[in-house]
PDB file of N, CA and C in Angstrom:
ATOM      1  N   UNK A   1       4.031  16.236   4.240  1.00  0.00           N
ATOM      2  CA  UNK A   1       2.979  16.095   3.230  1.00  0.00           C
ATOM      3  C   UNK A   1       2.388  14.686   3.319  1.00  0.00           C
ATOM      4  N   UNK A   2       1.090  14.619   3.308  1.00  0.00           N
ATOM      5  CA  UNK A   2       0.370  13.346   3.305  1.00  0.00           C
ATOM      6  C   UNK A   2       0.487  12.738   1.909  1.00  0.00           C
ATOM      7  N   UNK A   3       0.686  11.430   1.862  1.00  0.00           N
ATOM      8  CA  UNK A   3       0.736  10.704   0.587  1.00  0.00           C
ATOM      9  C   UNK A   3      -0.280   9.570   0.635  1.00  0.00           C
ATOM     10  N   UNK A   4      -0.955   9.365  -0.486  1.00  0.00           N
ATOM     11  CA  UNK A   4      -1.805   8.188  -0.636  1.00  0.00           C
ATOM     12  C   UNK A   4      -1.269   7.380  -1.810  1.00  0.00           C
ATOM     13  N   UNK A   5      -0.992   6.119  -1.534  1.00  0.00           N
ATOM     14  CA  UNK A   5      -0.594   5.179  -2.581  1.00  0.00           C
ATOM     15  C   UNK A   5      -1.901   4.590  -3.087  1.00  0.00           C
ATOM     16  N   UNK A   6      -2.248   4.963  -4.318  1.00  0.00           N
ATOM     17  CA  UNK A   6      -3.610   4.864  -4.817  1.00  0.00           C
ATOM     18  C   UNK A   6      -3.700   4.038  -6.088  1.00  0.00           C
ATOM     19  N   UNK A   7      -4.777   3.251  -6.170  1.00  0.00           N
ATOM     20  CA  UNK A   7      -5.140   2.545  -7.387  1.00  0.00           C
ATOM     21  C   UNK A   7      -6.553   3.007  -7.739  1.00  0.00           C
ATOM     22  N   UNK A   8      -6.706   3.827  -8.782  1.00  0.00           N
ATOM     23  CA  UNK A   8      -8.015   4.370  -9.122  1.00  0.00           C
ATOM     24  C   UNK A   8      -9.080   3.315  -9.423  1.00  0.00           C
ATOM     25  N   UNK A   9      -8.675   2.097  -9.741  1.00  0.00           N
ATOM     26  CA  UNK A   9      -9.639   1.040 -10.064  1.00  0.00           C
ATOM     27  C   UNK A   9     -10.177   0.342  -8.823  1.00  0.00           C
ATOM     28  N   UNK A  10      -9.632   0.664  -7.654  1.00  0.00           N
ATOM     29  CA  UNK A  10     -10.009   0.007  -6.402  1.00  0.00           C
ATOM     30  C   UNK A  10     -10.998   0.885  -5.640  1.00  0.00           C
ATOM     31  N   UNK A  11     -12.152   0.333  -5.279  1.00  0.00           N
ATOM     32  CA  UNK A  11     -13.174   1.127  -4.584  1.00  0.00           C
ATOM     33  C   UNK A  11     -12.689   1.604  -3.218  1.00  0.00           C
ATOM     34  N   UNK A  12     -11.968   0.778  -2.484  1.00  0.00           N
ATOM     35  CA  UNK A  12     -11.452   1.191  -1.171  1.00  0.00           C
ATOM     36  C   UNK A  12     -10.444   2.325  -1.331  1.00  0.00           C
ATOM     37  N   UNK A  13      -9.646   2.257  -2.372  1.00  0.00           N
ATOM     38  CA  UNK A  13      -8.667   3.303  -2.632  1.00  0.00           C
ATOM     39  C   UNK A  13      -9.379   4.610  -3.002  1.00  0.00           C
ATOM     40  N   UNK A  14     -10.433   4.515  -3.798  1.00  0.00           N
ATOM     41  CA  UNK A  14     -11.205   5.715  -4.147  1.00  0.00           C
ATOM     42  C   UNK A  14     -11.872   6.308  -2.901  1.00  0.00           C
ATOM     43  N   UNK A  15     -12.354   5.451  -2.008  1.00  0.00           N
ATOM     44  CA  UNK A  15     -12.949   5.935  -0.757  1.00  0.00           C
ATOM     45  C   UNK A  15     -11.894   6.627   0.104  1.00  0.00           C
ATOM     46  N   UNK A  16     -10.703   6.061   0.150  1.00  0.00           N
ATOM     47  CA  UNK A  16      -9.610   6.672   0.902  1.00  0.00           C
ATOM     48  C   UNK A  16      -9.238   8.029   0.343  1.00  0.00           C
ATOM     49  N   UNK A  17      -9.205   8.138  -0.982  1.00  0.00           N
ATOM     50  CA  UNK A  17      -8.909   9.406  -1.633  1.00  0.00           C
ATOM     51  C   UNK A  17      -9.968  10.444  -1.282  1.00  0.00           C
ATOM     52  N   UNK A  18     -11.219  10.031  -1.250  1.00  0.00           N
ATOM     53  CA  UNK A  18     -12.311  10.945  -0.900  1.00  0.00           C
ATOM     54  C   UNK A  18     -12.147  11.476   0.529  1.00  0.00           C
ATOM     55  N   UNK A  19     -11.730  10.610   1.446  1.00  0.00           N
ATOM     56  CA  UNK A  19     -11.488  11.046   2.832  1.00  0.00           C
ATOM     57  C   UNK A  19     -10.419  12.139   2.857  1.00  0.00           C
ATOM     58  N   UNK A  20      -9.347  11.929   2.095  1.00  0.00           N
ATOM     59  CA  UNK A  20      -8.287  12.940   2.050  1.00  0.00           C
ATOM     60  C   UNK A  20      -8.783  14.236   1.420  1.00  0.00           C
ATOM     61  N   UNK A  21      -9.548  14.130   0.344  1.00  0.00           N
ATOM     62  CA  UNK A  21     -10.082  15.331  -0.307  1.00  0.00           C
ATOM     63  C   UNK A  21     -10.967  16.111   0.668  1.00  0.00           C
ATOM     64  N   UNK A  22     -11.777  15.406   1.434  1.00  0.00           N
ATOM     65  CA  UNK A  22     -12.680  16.050   2.390  1.00  0.00           C
ATOM     66  C   UNK A  22     -11.953  16.616   3.606  1.00  0.00           C
ATOM     67  N   UNK A  23     -10.723  16.164   3.848  1.00  0.00           N
ATOM     68  CA  UNK A  23      -9.972  16.644   5.009  1.00  0.00           C
ATOM     69  C   UNK A  23      -9.525  18.097   4.824  1.00  0.00           C
ATOM     70  N   UNK A  24      -9.421  18.525   3.567  1.00  0.00           N
ATOM     71  CA  UNK A  24      -8.973  19.880   3.290  1.00  0.00           C
ATOM     72  C   UNK A  24      -7.467  20.066   3.419  1.00  0.00           C
ATOM     73  N   UNK A  25      -6.759  19.011   3.764  1.00  0.00           N
ATOM     74  CA  UNK A  25      -5.304  19.091   3.923  1.00  0.00           C
ATOM     75  C   UNK A  25      -4.620  18.757   2.595  1.00  0.00           C
ATOM     76  N   UNK A  26      -3.443  19.344   2.352  1.00  0.00           N
ATOM     77  CA  UNK A  26      -2.730  19.020   1.109  1.00  0.00           C
ATOM     78  C   UNK A  26      -2.204  17.586   1.152  1.00  0.00           C
ATOM     79  N   UNK A  27      -2.250  16.938   0.010  1.00  0.00           N
ATOM     80  CA  UNK A  27      -1.733  15.573  -0.081  1.00  0.00           C
ATOM     81  C   UNK A  27      -1.252  15.301  -1.491  1.00  0.00           C
ATOM     82  N   UNK A  28      -0.466  14.257  -1.593  1.00  0.00           N
ATOM     83  CA  UNK A  28       0.088  13.824  -2.879  1.00  0.00           C
ATOM     84  C   UNK A  28      -0.481  12.455  -3.205  1.00  0.00           C
ATOM     85  N   UNK A  29      -0.849  12.268  -4.458  1.00  0.00           N
ATOM     86  CA  UNK A  29      -1.329  10.968  -4.929  1.00  0.00           C
ATOM     87  C   UNK A  29      -0.188  10.256  -5.634  1.00  0.00           C
ATOM     88  N   UNK A  30       0.095   9.028  -5.208  1.00  0.00           N
ATOM     89  CA  UNK A  30       1.092   8.198  -5.878  1.00  0.00           C
ATOM     90  C   UNK A  30       0.347   7.017  -6.494  1.00  0.00           C
ATOM     91  N   UNK A  31       0.272   7.012  -7.813  1.00  0.00           N
ATOM     92  CA  UNK A  31      -0.361   5.895  -8.524  1.00  0.00           C
ATOM     93  C   UNK A  31       0.701   4.816  -8.703  1.00  0.00           C
ATOM     94  N   UNK A  32       0.794   3.961  -7.693  1.00  0.00           N
ATOM     95  CA  UNK A  32       1.913   3.022  -7.609  1.00  0.00           C
ATOM     96  C   UNK A  32       1.919   1.969  -8.717  1.00  0.00           C
ATOM     97  N   UNK A  33       0.807   1.776  -9.407  1.00  0.00           N
ATOM     98  CA  UNK A  33       0.821   0.841 -10.534  1.00  0.00           C
ATOM     99  C   UNK A  33       1.508   1.469 -11.747  1.00  0.00           C
ATOM    100  N   UNK A  34       1.438   2.802 -11.857  1.00  0.00           N
ATOM    101  CA  UNK A  34       2.083   3.515 -12.960  1.00  0.00           C
ATOM    102  C   UNK A  34       3.516   3.896 -12.617  1.00  0.00           C
ATOM    103  N   UNK A  35       3.728   4.290 -11.368  1.00  0.00           N
ATOM    104  CA  UNK A  35       5.029   4.748 -10.894  1.00  0.00           C
ATOM    105  C   UNK A  35       5.514   3.739  -9.849  1.00  0.00           C
ATOM    106  N   UNK A  36       6.100   2.653 -10.322  1.00  0.00           N
ATOM    107  CA  UNK A  36       6.457   1.519  -9.480  1.00  0.00           C
ATOM    108  C   UNK A  36       7.367   1.916  -8.328  1.00  0.00           C
ATOM    109  N   UNK A  37       7.061   1.384  -7.163  1.00  0.00           N
ATOM    110  CA  UNK A  37       7.854   1.656  -5.961  1.00  0.00           C
ATOM    111  C   UNK A  37       9.136   0.837  -5.968  1.00  0.00           C
ATOM    112  N   UNK A  38      10.194   1.422  -5.448  1.00  0.00           N
ATOM    113  CA  UNK A  38      11.455   0.692  -5.285  1.00  0.00           C
ATOM    114  C   UNK A  38      11.371  -0.177  -4.037  1.00  0.00           C
ATOM    115  N   UNK A  39      12.296  -1.102  -3.923  1.00  0.00           N
ATOM    116  CA  UNK A  39      12.361  -1.940  -2.718  1.00  0.00           C
ATOM    117  C   UNK A  39      12.585  -1.061  -1.492  1.00  0.00           C
ATOM    118  N   UNK A  40      13.418  -0.031  -1.633  1.00  0.00           N
ATOM    119  CA  UNK A  40      13.701   0.863  -0.509  1.00  0.00           C
ATOM    120  C   UNK A  40      12.445   1.615  -0.069  1.00  0.00           C
ATOM    121  N   UNK A  41      11.661   2.090  -1.036  1.00  0.00           N
ATOM    122  CA  UNK A  41      10.424   2.805  -0.712  1.00  0.00           C
ATOM    123  C   UNK A  41       9.440   1.868  -0.004  1.00  0.00           C
ATOM    124  N   UNK A  42       9.327   0.646  -0.491  1.00  0.00           N
ATOM    125  CA  UNK A  42       8.439  -0.331   0.160  1.00  0.00           C
ATOM    126  C   UNK A  42       8.910  -0.650   1.574  1.00  0.00           C
ATOM    127  N   UNK A  43      10.207  -0.793   1.758  1.00  0.00           N
ATOM    128  CA  UNK A  43      10.748  -1.072   3.090  1.00  0.00           C
ATOM    129  C   UNK A  43      10.409   0.056   4.057  1.00  0.00           C
ATOM    130  N   UNK A  44      10.510   1.304   3.595  1.00  0.00           N
ATOM    131  CA  UNK A  44      10.175   2.460   4.431  1.00  0.00           C
ATOM    132  C   UNK A  44       8.695   2.447   4.809  1.00  0.00           C
ATOM    133  N   UNK A  45       7.837   2.176   3.829  1.00  0.00           N
ATOM    134  CA  UNK A  45       6.391   2.116   4.094  1.00  0.00           C
ATOM    135  C   UNK A  45       6.077   0.998   5.088  1.00  0.00           C
ATOM    136  N   UNK A  46       6.668  -0.157   4.891  1.00  0.00           N
ATOM    137  CA  UNK A  46       6.443  -1.302   5.779  1.00  0.00           C
ATOM    138  C   UNK A  46       6.898  -0.970   7.195  1.00  0.00           C
ATOM    139  N   UNK A  47       8.015  -0.272   7.301  1.00  0.00           N
ATOM    140  CA  UNK A  47       8.515   0.148   8.613  1.00  0.00           C
ATOM    141  C   UNK A  47       7.527   1.099   9.297  1.00  0.00           C
ATOM    142  N   UNK A  48       7.000   2.068   8.546  1.00  0.00           N
ATOM    143  CA  UNK A  48       6.027   3.010   9.106  1.00  0.00           C
ATOM    144  C   UNK A  48       4.731   2.314   9.509  1.00  0.00           C
ATOM    145  N   UNK A  49       4.353   1.300   8.735  1.00  0.00           N
ATOM    146  CA  UNK A  49       3.135   0.540   9.043  1.00  0.00           C
ATOM    147  C   UNK A  49       3.325  -0.388  10.245  1.00  0.00           C
ATOM    148  N   UNK A  50       4.593  -0.662  10.578  1.00  0.00           N
ATOM    149  CA  UNK A  50       4.935  -1.576  11.670  1.00  0.00           C
ATOM    150  C   UNK A  50       4.335  -2.974  11.442  1.00  0.00           C
ATOM    151  N   UNK A  51       4.551  -3.470  10.227  1.00  0.00           N
ATOM    152  CA  UNK A  51       4.080  -4.797   9.858  1.00  0.00           C
ATOM    153  C   UNK A  51       5.212  -5.577   9.190  1.00  0.00           C
ATOM    154  N   UNK A  52       4.982  -6.855   8.971  1.00  0.00           N
ATOM    155  CA  UNK A  52       5.897  -7.675   8.193  1.00  0.00           C
ATOM    156  C   UNK A  52       5.533  -7.508   6.712  1.00  0.00           C
ATOM    157  N   UNK A  53       6.484  -7.629   5.811  1.00  0.00           N
ATOM    158  CA  UNK A  53       6.187  -7.463   4.383  1.00  0.00           C
ATOM    159  C   UNK A  53       5.016  -8.325   3.891  1.00  0.00           C
ATOM    160  N   UNK A  54       4.905  -9.536   4.374  1.00  0.00           N
ATOM    161  CA  UNK A  54       3.828 -10.428   3.918  1.00  0.00           C
ATOM    162  C   UNK A  54       2.448  -9.861   4.236  1.00  0.00           C
ATOM    163  N   UNK A  55       2.362  -8.998   5.262  1.00  0.00           N
ATOM    164  CA  UNK A  55       1.074  -8.416   5.646  1.00  0.00           C
ATOM    165  C   UNK A  55       0.614  -7.336   4.669  1.00  0.00           C
ATOM    166  N   UNK A  56       1.479  -6.915   3.771  1.00  0.00           N
ATOM    167  CA  UNK A  56       1.136  -5.913   2.768  1.00  0.00           C
ATOM    168  C   UNK A  56       0.730  -6.555   1.439  1.00  0.00           C
ATOM    169  N   UNK A  57       0.794  -7.878   1.369  1.00  0.00           N
ATOM    170  CA  UNK A  57       0.525  -8.599   0.125  1.00  0.00           C
ATOM    171  C   UNK A  57      -0.972  -8.917  -0.013  1.00  0.00           C
ATOM    172  N   UNK A  58      -1.489  -8.674  -1.206  1.00  0.00           N
ATOM    173  CA  UNK A  58      -2.860  -9.076  -1.560  1.00  0.00           C
ATOM    174  C   UNK A  58      -2.793 -10.545  -1.987  1.00  0.00           C
ATOM    175  N   UNK A  59      -3.120 -11.405  -1.058  1.00  0.00           N
ATOM    176  CA  UNK A  59      -2.928 -12.838  -1.283  1.00  0.00           C
ATOM    177  C   UNK A  59      -3.973 -13.475  -2.197  1.00  0.00           C
ATOM    178  N   UNK A  60      -5.027 -12.744  -2.554  1.00  0.00           N
ATOM    179  CA  UNK A  60      -6.030 -13.283  -3.468  1.00  0.00           C
ATOM    180  C   UNK A  60      -5.752 -12.939  -4.928  1.00  0.00           C
ATOM    181  N   UNK A  61      -4.680 -12.192  -5.172  1.00  0.00           N
ATOM    182  CA  UNK A  61      -4.316 -11.884  -6.557  1.00  0.00           C
ATOM    183  C   UNK A  61      -3.837 -13.166  -7.257  1.00  0.00           C
ATOM    184  N   UNK A  62      -4.213 -13.290  -8.522  1.00  0.00           N
ATOM    185  CA  UNK A  62      -3.868 -14.493  -9.297  1.00  0.00           C
ATOM    186  C   UNK A  62      -2.363 -14.727  -9.335  1.00  0.00           C
ATOM    187  N   UNK A  63      -1.580 -13.661  -9.499  1.00  0.00           N
ATOM    188  CA  UNK A  63      -0.117 -13.804  -9.581  1.00  0.00           C
ATOM    189  C   UNK A  63       0.452 -14.361  -8.275  1.00  0.00           C
ATOM    190  N   UNK A  64      -0.123 -13.981  -7.142  1.00  0.00           N
ATOM    191  CA  UNK A  64       0.340 -14.520  -5.861  1.00  0.00           C
ATOM    192  C   UNK A  64       0.025 -16.007  -5.798  1.00  0.00           C
ATOM    193  N   UNK A  65      -1.209 -16.356  -6.134  1.00  0.00           N
ATOM    194  CA  UNK A  65      -1.631 -17.760  -6.057  1.00  0.00           C
ATOM    195  C   UNK A  65      -0.810 -18.650  -6.996  1.00  0.00           C
ATOM    196  N   UNK A  66      -0.504 -18.139  -8.192  1.00  0.00           N
ATOM    197  CA  UNK A  66       0.196 -18.982  -9.169  1.00  0.00           C
ATOM    198  C   UNK A  66       1.708 -19.047  -8.942  1.00  0.00           C
ATOM    199  N   UNK A  67       2.303 -17.938  -8.452  1.00  0.00           N
ATOM    200  CA  UNK A  67       3.765 -17.886  -8.398  1.00  0.00           C
ATOM    201  C   UNK A  67       4.373 -17.944  -7.001  1.00  0.00           C
ATOM    202  N   UNK A  68       3.607 -17.594  -5.961  1.00  0.00           N
ATOM    203  CA  UNK A  68       4.223 -17.425  -4.646  1.00  0.00           C
ATOM    204  C   UNK A  68       3.556 -18.190  -3.508  1.00  0.00           C
ATOM    205  N   UNK A  69       2.261 -18.469  -3.626  1.00  0.00           N
ATOM    206  CA  UNK A  69       1.530 -19.107  -2.537  1.00  0.00           C
ATOM    207  C   UNK A  69       2.171 -20.442  -2.142  1.00  0.00           C
ATOM    208  N   UNK A  70       2.307 -20.622  -0.829  1.00  0.00           N
ATOM    209  CA  UNK A  70       2.850 -21.873  -0.314  1.00  0.00           C
ATOM    210  C   UNK A  70       4.366 -21.937  -0.282  1.00  0.00           C
ATOM    211  N   UNK A  71       5.035 -20.928  -0.820  1.00  0.00           N
ATOM    212  CA  UNK A  71       6.501 -20.905  -0.802  1.00  0.00           C
ATOM    213  C   UNK A  71       6.980 -20.227   0.478  1.00  0.00           C
ATOM    214  N   UNK A  72       8.116 -20.659   0.965  1.00  0.00           N
ATOM    215  CA  UNK A  72       8.720 -20.071   2.164  1.00  0.00           C
ATOM    216  C   UNK A  72       9.635 -18.930   1.718  1.00  0.00           C
ATOM    217  N   UNK A  73       9.061 -17.718   1.690  1.00  0.00           N
ATOM    218  CA  UNK A  73       9.793 -16.569   1.168  1.00  0.00           C
ATOM    219  C   UNK A  73      10.368 -15.722   2.299  1.00  0.00           C
ATOM    220  N   UNK A  74      11.548 -15.188   2.076  1.00  0.00           N
ATOM    221  CA  UNK A  74      12.137 -14.244   3.028  1.00  0.00           C
ATOM    222  C   UNK A  74      11.431 -12.898   2.863  1.00  0.00           C
ATOM    223  N   UNK A  75      11.623 -12.008   3.829  1.00  0.00           N
ATOM    224  CA  UNK A  75      11.053 -10.666   3.717  1.00  0.00           C
ATOM    225  C   UNK A  75      11.526  -9.983   2.443  1.00  0.00           C
ATOM    226  N   UNK A  76      12.801 -10.144   2.121  1.00  0.00           N
ATOM    227  CA  UNK A  76      13.365  -9.533   0.907  1.00  0.00           C
ATOM    228  C   UNK A  76      12.692 -10.095  -0.336  1.00  0.00           C
ATOM    229  N   UNK A  77      12.442 -11.388  -0.365  1.00  0.00           N
ATOM    230  CA  UNK A  77      11.781 -12.001  -1.526  1.00  0.00           C
ATOM    231  C   UNK A  77      10.336 -11.519  -1.655  1.00  0.00           C
ATOM    232  N   UNK A  78       9.651 -11.319  -0.538  1.00  0.00           N
ATOM    233  CA  UNK A  78       8.286 -10.807  -0.575  1.00  0.00           C
ATOM    234  C   UNK A  78       8.281  -9.377  -1.127  1.00  0.00           C
ATOM    235  N   UNK A  79       9.207  -8.560  -0.650  1.00  0.00           N
ATOM    236  CA  UNK A  79       9.313  -7.179  -1.146  1.00  0.00           C
ATOM    237  C   UNK A  79       9.646  -7.184  -2.633  1.00  0.00           C
ATOM    238  N   UNK A  80      10.568  -8.024  -3.052  1.00  0.00           N
ATOM    239  CA  UNK A  80      10.914  -8.115  -4.472  1.00  0.00           C
ATOM    240  C   UNK A  80       9.696  -8.522  -5.310  1.00  0.00           C
ATOM    241  N   UNK A  81       8.882  -9.427  -4.784  1.00  0.00           N
ATOM    242  CA  UNK A  81       7.667  -9.846  -5.498  1.00  0.00           C
ATOM    243  C   UNK A  81       6.727  -8.652  -5.685  1.00  0.00           C
ATOM    244  N   UNK A  82       6.612  -7.799  -4.661  1.00  0.00           N
ATOM    245  CA  UNK A  82       5.744  -6.621  -4.774  1.00  0.00           C
ATOM    246  C   UNK A  82       6.321  -5.581  -5.730  1.00  0.00           C
ATOM    247  N   UNK A  83       7.649  -5.442  -5.750  1.00  0.00           N
ATOM    248  CA  UNK A  83       8.287  -4.513  -6.683  1.00  0.00           C
ATOM    249  C   UNK A  83       8.029  -4.970  -8.120  1.00  0.00           C
ATOM    250  N   UNK A  84       8.180  -6.256  -8.362  1.00  0.00           N
ATOM    251  CA  UNK A  84       7.995  -6.798  -9.707  1.00  0.00           C
ATOM    252  C   UNK A  84       6.523  -6.874 -10.120  1.00  0.00           C
ATOM    253  N   UNK A  85       5.640  -7.001  -9.119  1.00  0.00           N
ATOM    254  CA  UNK A  85       4.202  -7.161  -9.367  1.00  0.00           C
ATOM    255  C   UNK A  85       3.426  -6.217  -8.447  1.00  0.00           C
ATOM    256  N   UNK A  86       3.387  -4.923  -8.759  1.00  0.00           N
ATOM    257  CA  UNK A  86       2.781  -3.961  -7.837  1.00  0.00           C
ATOM    258  C   UNK A  86       1.304  -4.222  -7.537  1.00  0.00           C
ATOM    259  N   UNK A  87       0.634  -5.011  -8.371  1.00  0.00           N
ATOM    260  CA  UNK A  87      -0.757  -5.372  -8.067  1.00  0.00           C
ATOM    261  C   UNK A  87      -0.867  -6.116  -6.744  1.00  0.00           C
ATOM    262  N   UNK A  88       0.248  -6.689  -6.281  1.00  0.00           N
ATOM    263  CA  UNK A  88       0.248  -7.439  -5.025  1.00  0.00           C
ATOM    264  C   UNK A  88       0.198  -6.539  -3.793  1.00  0.00           C
ATOM    265  N   UNK A  89       0.429  -5.232  -3.959  1.00  0.00           N
ATOM    266  CA  UNK A  89       0.488  -4.323  -2.819  1.00  0.00           C
ATOM    267  C   UNK A  89      -0.930  -3.966  -2.370  1.00  0.00           C
ATOM    268  N   UNK A  90      -1.187  -4.167  -1.092  1.00  0.00           N
ATOM    269  CA  UNK A  90      -2.476  -3.797  -0.516  1.00  0.00           C
ATOM    270  C   UNK A  90      -2.688  -2.304  -0.665  1.00  0.00           C
ATOM    271  N   UNK A  91      -3.933  -1.884  -0.783  1.00  0.00           N
ATOM    272  CA  UNK A  91      -4.233  -0.475  -0.999  1.00  0.00           C
ATOM    273  C   UNK A  91      -5.540  -0.093  -0.346  1.00  0.00           C
ATOM    274  N   UNK A  92      -5.715   1.193  -0.135  1.00  0.00           N
ATOM    275  CA  UNK A  92      -4.750   2.268  -0.254  1.00  0.00           C
ATOM    276  C   UNK A  92      -3.842   2.317   0.967  1.00  0.00           C
ATOM    277  N   UNK A  93      -2.678   2.888   0.795  1.00  0.00           N
ATOM    278  CA  UNK A  93      -1.770   3.158   1.916  1.00  0.00           C
ATOM    279  C   UNK A  93      -1.690   4.674   2.030  1.00  0.00           C
ATOM    280  N   UNK A  94      -1.860   5.176   3.245  1.00  0.00           N
ATOM    281  CA  UNK A  94      -1.732   6.607   3.477  1.00  0.00           C
ATOM    282  C   UNK A  94      -0.607   6.815   4.483  1.00  0.00           C
ATOM    283  N   UNK A  95       0.313   7.717   4.124  1.00  0.00           N
ATOM    284  CA  UNK A  95       1.454   8.054   4.985  1.00  0.00           C
ATOM    285  C   UNK A  95       1.351   9.532   5.331  1.00  0.00           C
ATOM    286  N   UNK A  96       1.477   9.818   6.619  1.00  0.00           N
ATOM    287  CA  UNK A  96       1.482  11.201   7.104  1.00  0.00           C
ATOM    288  C   UNK A  96       2.628  11.314   8.096  1.00  0.00           C
ATOM    289  N   UNK A  97       3.762  11.843   7.619  1.00  0.00           N
ATOM    290  CA  UNK A  97       4.936  11.959   8.476  1.00  0.00           C
ATOM    291  C   UNK A  97       5.461  10.593   8.862  1.00  0.00           C
ATOM    292  N   UNK A  98       5.470  10.315  10.169  1.00  0.00           N
ATOM    293  CA  UNK A  98       5.972   9.032  10.673  1.00  0.00           C
ATOM    294  C   UNK A  98       4.846   8.033  10.949  1.00  0.00           C
ATOM    295  N   UNK A  99       3.621   8.363  10.484  1.00  0.00           N
ATOM    296  CA  UNK A  99       2.476   7.484  10.675  1.00  0.00           C
ATOM    297  C   UNK A  99       2.002   6.977   9.325  1.00  0.00           C
ATOM    298  N   UNK A 100       1.498   5.750   9.316  1.00  0.00           N
ATOM    299  CA  UNK A 100       0.958   5.175   8.081  1.00  0.00           C
ATOM    300  C   UNK A 100      -0.125   4.164   8.423  1.00  0.00           C
ATOM    301  N   UNK A 101      -1.088   4.033   7.508  1.00  0.00           N
ATOM    302  CA  UNK A 101      -2.126   3.013   7.649  1.00  0.00           C
ATOM    303  C   UNK A 101      -2.446   2.437   6.279  1.00  0.00           C
ATOM    304  N   UNK A 102      -2.920   1.200   6.315  1.00  0.00           N
ATOM    305  CA  UNK A 102      -3.557   0.609   5.145  1.00  0.00           C
ATOM    306  C   UNK A 102      -5.037   0.937   5.311  1.00  0.00           C
ATOM    307  N   UNK A 103      -5.622   1.591   4.340  1.00  0.00           N
ATOM    308  CA  UNK A 103      -7.003   2.059   4.448  1.00  0.00           C
ATOM    309  C   UNK A 103      -8.034   0.990   4.200  1.00  0.00           C
ATOM    310  N   UNK A 104      -7.986  -0.068   4.973  1.00  0.00           N
ATOM    311  CA  UNK A 104      -8.966  -1.156   4.928  1.00  0.00           C
ATOM    312  C   UNK A 104      -9.390  -1.460   6.352  1.00  0.00           C
ATOM    313  N   UNK A 105     -10.479  -0.899   6.779  1.00  0.00           N
ATOM    314  CA  UNK A 105     -11.428  -0.056   6.052  1.00  0.00           C
ATOM    315  C   UNK A 105     -10.895   1.363   5.883  1.00  0.00           C
ATOM    316  N   UNK A 106     -11.426   2.083   4.902  1.00  0.00           N
ATOM    317  CA  UNK A 106     -10.946   3.444   4.634  1.00  0.00           C
ATOM    318  C   UNK A 106     -11.057   4.372   5.843  1.00  0.00           C
ATOM    319  N   UNK A 107     -11.961   4.111   6.763  1.00  0.00           N
ATOM    320  CA  UNK A 107     -12.134   4.962   7.939  1.00  0.00           C
ATOM    321  C   UNK A 107     -10.859   5.042   8.788  1.00  0.00           C
ATOM    322  N   UNK A 108      -9.960   4.080   8.658  1.00  0.00           N
ATOM    323  CA  UNK A 108      -8.689   4.113   9.397  1.00  0.00           C
ATOM    324  C   UNK A 108      -7.840   5.329   9.010  1.00  0.00           C
ATOM    325  N   UNK A 109      -8.061   5.833   7.801  1.00  0.00           N
ATOM    326  CA  UNK A 109      -7.287   6.970   7.311  1.00  0.00           C
ATOM    327  C   UNK A 109      -7.551   8.206   8.166  1.00  0.00           C
ATOM    328  N   UNK A 110      -8.775   8.351   8.641  1.00  0.00           N
ATOM    329  CA  UNK A 110      -9.145   9.512   9.454  1.00  0.00           C
ATOM    330  C   UNK A 110      -8.244   9.658  10.667  1.00  0.00           C
ATOM    331  N   UNK A 111      -7.779   8.540  11.199  1.00  0.00           N
ATOM    332  CA  UNK A 111      -6.956   8.565  12.421  1.00  0.00           C
ATOM    333  C   UNK A 111      -5.590   9.217  12.225  1.00  0.00           C
ATOM    334  N   UNK A 112      -5.101   9.328  10.995  1.00  0.00           N
ATOM    335  CA  UNK A 112      -3.752   9.890  10.820  1.00  0.00           C
ATOM    336  C   UNK A 112      -3.719  11.190  10.028  1.00  0.00           C
ATOM    337  N   UNK A 113      -4.886  11.679   9.567  1.00  0.00           N
ATOM    338  CA  UNK A 113      -4.867  12.951   8.815  1.00  0.00           C
ATOM    339  C   UNK A 113      -5.277  14.122   9.694  1.00  0.00           C
TER     340      UNK A 113
END
């Protein structure tokens, strides 16, 4: 089952959702701001994305700038920061089996659905 980690207030996330709706394939919407991801779930997503945890962080968020910017954080500390502050998670993320993409630009989603 395809999953989209979605923030309805984000235009890129809404565009990603539209791509999935137009695909005609079944998918699940995970509103990660309402249903907070565990560290284990984030680790799995990061593994599928084949990136470092810091690459999933929205570095322009105020909470990042005030609490984390410039600090030498371990991967675990970065993941913990995203668990505690889900606004820091880049979006949308689409997972399809063993493939995943960050939908920035949203057109990247087409490659895995």
